[in-house]
C-alpha atoms as a PDB file:
ATOM      1  CA  MET A   1     104.534  97.174 101.677  1.00  0.00           C
ATOM      2  CA  MET A   2     106.306  96.441 104.986  1.00  0.00           C
ATOM      3  CA  ARG A   3     107.654  99.939 105.039  1.00  0.00           C
ATOM      4  CA  ILE A   4     104.173 101.414 104.738  1.00  0.00           C
ATOM      5  CA  GLN A   5     102.995  99.073 107.528  1.00  0.00           C
ATOM      6  CA  ARG A   6     105.807 100.238 109.838  1.00  0.00           C
ATOM      7  CA  VAL A   7     104.901 103.849 109.280  1.00  0.00           C
ATOM      8  CA  GLN A   8     101.230 103.100 109.946  1.00  0.00           C
ATOM      9  CA  ASN A   9     102.165 101.308 113.171  1.00  0.00           C
ATOM     10  CA  LYS A  10     104.303 104.249 114.374  1.00  0.00           C
ATOM     11  CA  ILE A  11     101.533 106.759 113.567  1.00  0.00           C
ATOM     12  CA  LEU A  12      98.861 104.735 115.414  1.00  0.00           C
ATOM     13  CA  ARG A  13     101.196 104.421 118.399  1.00  0.00           C
ATOM     14  CA  VAL A  14     101.626 108.199 118.509  1.00  0.00           C
ATOM     15  CA  ILE A  15      97.949 108.846 118.060  1.00  0.00           C
ATOM     16  CA  THR A  16      96.890 106.477 120.861  1.00  0.00           C
ATOM     17  CA  ASP A  17      99.869 107.212 123.065  1.00  0.00           C
ATOM     18  CA  ALA A  18     100.312 103.437 123.431  1.00  0.00           C
ATOM     19  CA  PRO A  19     102.971 102.067 125.775  1.00  0.00           C
ATOM     20  CA  TRP A  20     105.972 100.314 124.359  1.00  0.00           C
ATOM     21  CA  PHE A  21     104.692  96.871 125.373  1.00  0.00           C
ATOM     22  CA  ALA A  22     101.390  97.136 123.471  1.00  0.00           C
ATOM     23  CA  ARG A  23     101.373  94.925 120.419  1.00  0.00           C
ATOM     24  CA  ASN A  24     100.667  96.406 116.987  1.00  0.00           C
ATOM     25  CA  ASP A  25      97.867  93.974 116.256  1.00  0.00           C
ATOM     26  CA  GLU A  26      96.187  94.933 119.551  1.00  0.00           C
ATOM     27  CA  ILE A  27      96.285  98.603 118.562  1.00  0.00           C
ATOM     28  CA  HIS A  28      94.778  97.766 115.160  1.00  0.00           C
ATOM     29  CA  GLN A  29      92.038  95.740 116.845  1.00  0.00           C
ATOM     30  CA  TYR A  30      91.256  98.403 119.336  1.00  0.00           C
ATOM     31  CA  LEU A  31      91.008 101.148 116.674  1.00  0.00           C
ATOM     32  CA  GLU A  32      89.253  98.745 114.219  1.00  0.00           C
ATOM     33  CA  MET A  33      91.862  99.711 111.680  1.00  0.00           C
ATOM     34  CA  PRO A  34      92.892  97.128 109.089  1.00  0.00           C
ATOM     35  CA  THR A  35      96.595  96.614 108.431  1.00  0.00           C
ATOM     36  CA  VAL A  36      98.113  97.534 105.036  1.00  0.00           C
ATOM     37  CA  PHE A  37      98.332  93.867 104.120  1.00  0.00           C
ATOM     38  CA  GLU A  38      94.669  93.225 104.981  1.00  0.00           C
ATOM     39  CA  GLU A  39      93.556  96.279 103.051  1.00  0.00           C
ATOM     40  CA  ILE A  40      95.442  95.312  99.931  1.00  0.00           C
ATOM     41  CA  ARG A  41      94.824  91.549 100.073  1.00  0.00           C
ATOM     42  CA  PHE A  42      91.145  91.506 101.082  1.00  0.00           C
ATOM     43  CA  GLY A  43      90.062  94.968  99.955  1.00  0.00           C
ATOM     44  CA  ARG A  44      88.848  96.029  96.629  1.00  0.00           C
ATOM     45  CA  PHE A  45      92.310  96.821  95.221  1.00  0.00           C
ATOM     46  CA  CYS A  46      93.298  93.218  94.761  1.00  0.00           C
ATOM     47  CA  LYS A  47      90.081  92.270  93.026  1.00  0.00           C
ATOM     48  CA  LYS A  48      90.199  95.234  90.613  1.00  0.00           C
ATOM     49  CA  HIS A  49      93.859  94.376  89.747  1.00  0.00           C
ATOM     50  CA  LYS A  50      92.996  90.760  89.004  1.00  0.00           C
ATOM     51  CA  GLU A  51      90.039  91.809  86.854  1.00  0.00           C
ATOM     52  CA  ARG A  52      92.204  94.186  84.835  1.00  0.00           C
ATOM     53  CA  LEU A  53      94.898  91.502  84.365  1.00  0.00           C
ATOM     54  CA  ALA A  54      92.316  88.944  83.154  1.00  0.00           C
ATOM     55  CA  LYS A  55      91.082  91.363  80.477  1.00  0.00           C
ATOM     56  CA  HIS A  56      94.474  92.616  79.444  1.00  0.00           C
ATOM     57  CA  PRO A  57      95.369  92.170  75.735  1.00  0.00           C
ATOM     58  CA  ASN A  58      98.980  91.312  76.443  1.00  0.00           C
ATOM     59  CA  ARG A  59      99.526  87.545  77.019  1.00  0.00           C
ATOM     60  CA  LEU A  60     102.396  88.125  79.409  1.00  0.00           C
ATOM     61  CA  ALA A  61     100.299  90.406  81.632  1.00  0.00           C
ATOM     62  CA  SER A  62      97.411  87.950  81.751  1.00  0.00           C
ATOM     63  CA  SER A  63      99.816  85.069  82.533  1.00  0.00           C
ATOM     64  CA  LEU A  64     100.625  86.806  85.801  1.00  0.00           C
ATOM     65  CA  LEU A  65      97.370  85.380  87.186  1.00  0.00           C
ATOM     66  CA  VAL A  66      98.666  81.829  86.923  1.00  0.00           C
ATOM     67  CA  ALA A  67     100.611  80.989  90.074  1.00  0.00           C
ATOM     68  CA  PRO A  68     104.070  79.598  89.274  1.00  0.00           C
ATOM     69  CA  ARG A  69     104.819  76.058  90.392  1.00  0.00           C
ATOM     70  CA  MET A  70     106.975  76.082  93.520  1.00  0.00           C
ATOM     71  CA  LYS A  71     110.285  74.383  92.980  1.00  0.00           C
ATOM     72  CA  ARG A  72     112.072  73.174  96.089  1.00  0.00           C
ATOM     73  CA  LEU A  73     115.797  72.955  96.123  1.00  0.00           C
ATOM     74  CA  LYS A  74     116.903  70.126  98.363  1.00  0.00           C
ATOM     75  CA  ARG A  75     120.331  69.000  99.307  1.00  0.00           C
ATOM     76  CA  ALA A  76     121.268  65.470  98.283  1.00  0.00           C
ATOM     77  CA  ASP A  77     122.944  64.856 101.635  1.00  0.00           C
ATOM     78  CA  VAL A  78     123.101  66.706 104.920  1.00  0.00           C
ATOM     79  CA  LEU A  79     126.897  67.042 104.708  1.00  0.00           C
ATOM     80  CA  ASP A  80     126.892  68.516 101.190  1.00  0.00           C
ATOM     81  CA  ASN A  81     127.990  72.152 100.945  1.00  0.00           C
END
């Protein structure tokens, strides 16, 4: 996904002939162009994918909707290696 975003940023820079100091998010705002992440996350693709997973006959596929519990690995002591 990041690779696609980099390509999109480069293409938008070429199209707008933006200077090197212009930030990518400023270019996206100016052109009213969503980023790849915004399009996937908040667009229709994410919703359709979740709907398909919820209706999937395979238990493993439908279990992907449940977020795994985050496990934090913590050192016992600062000086431990």
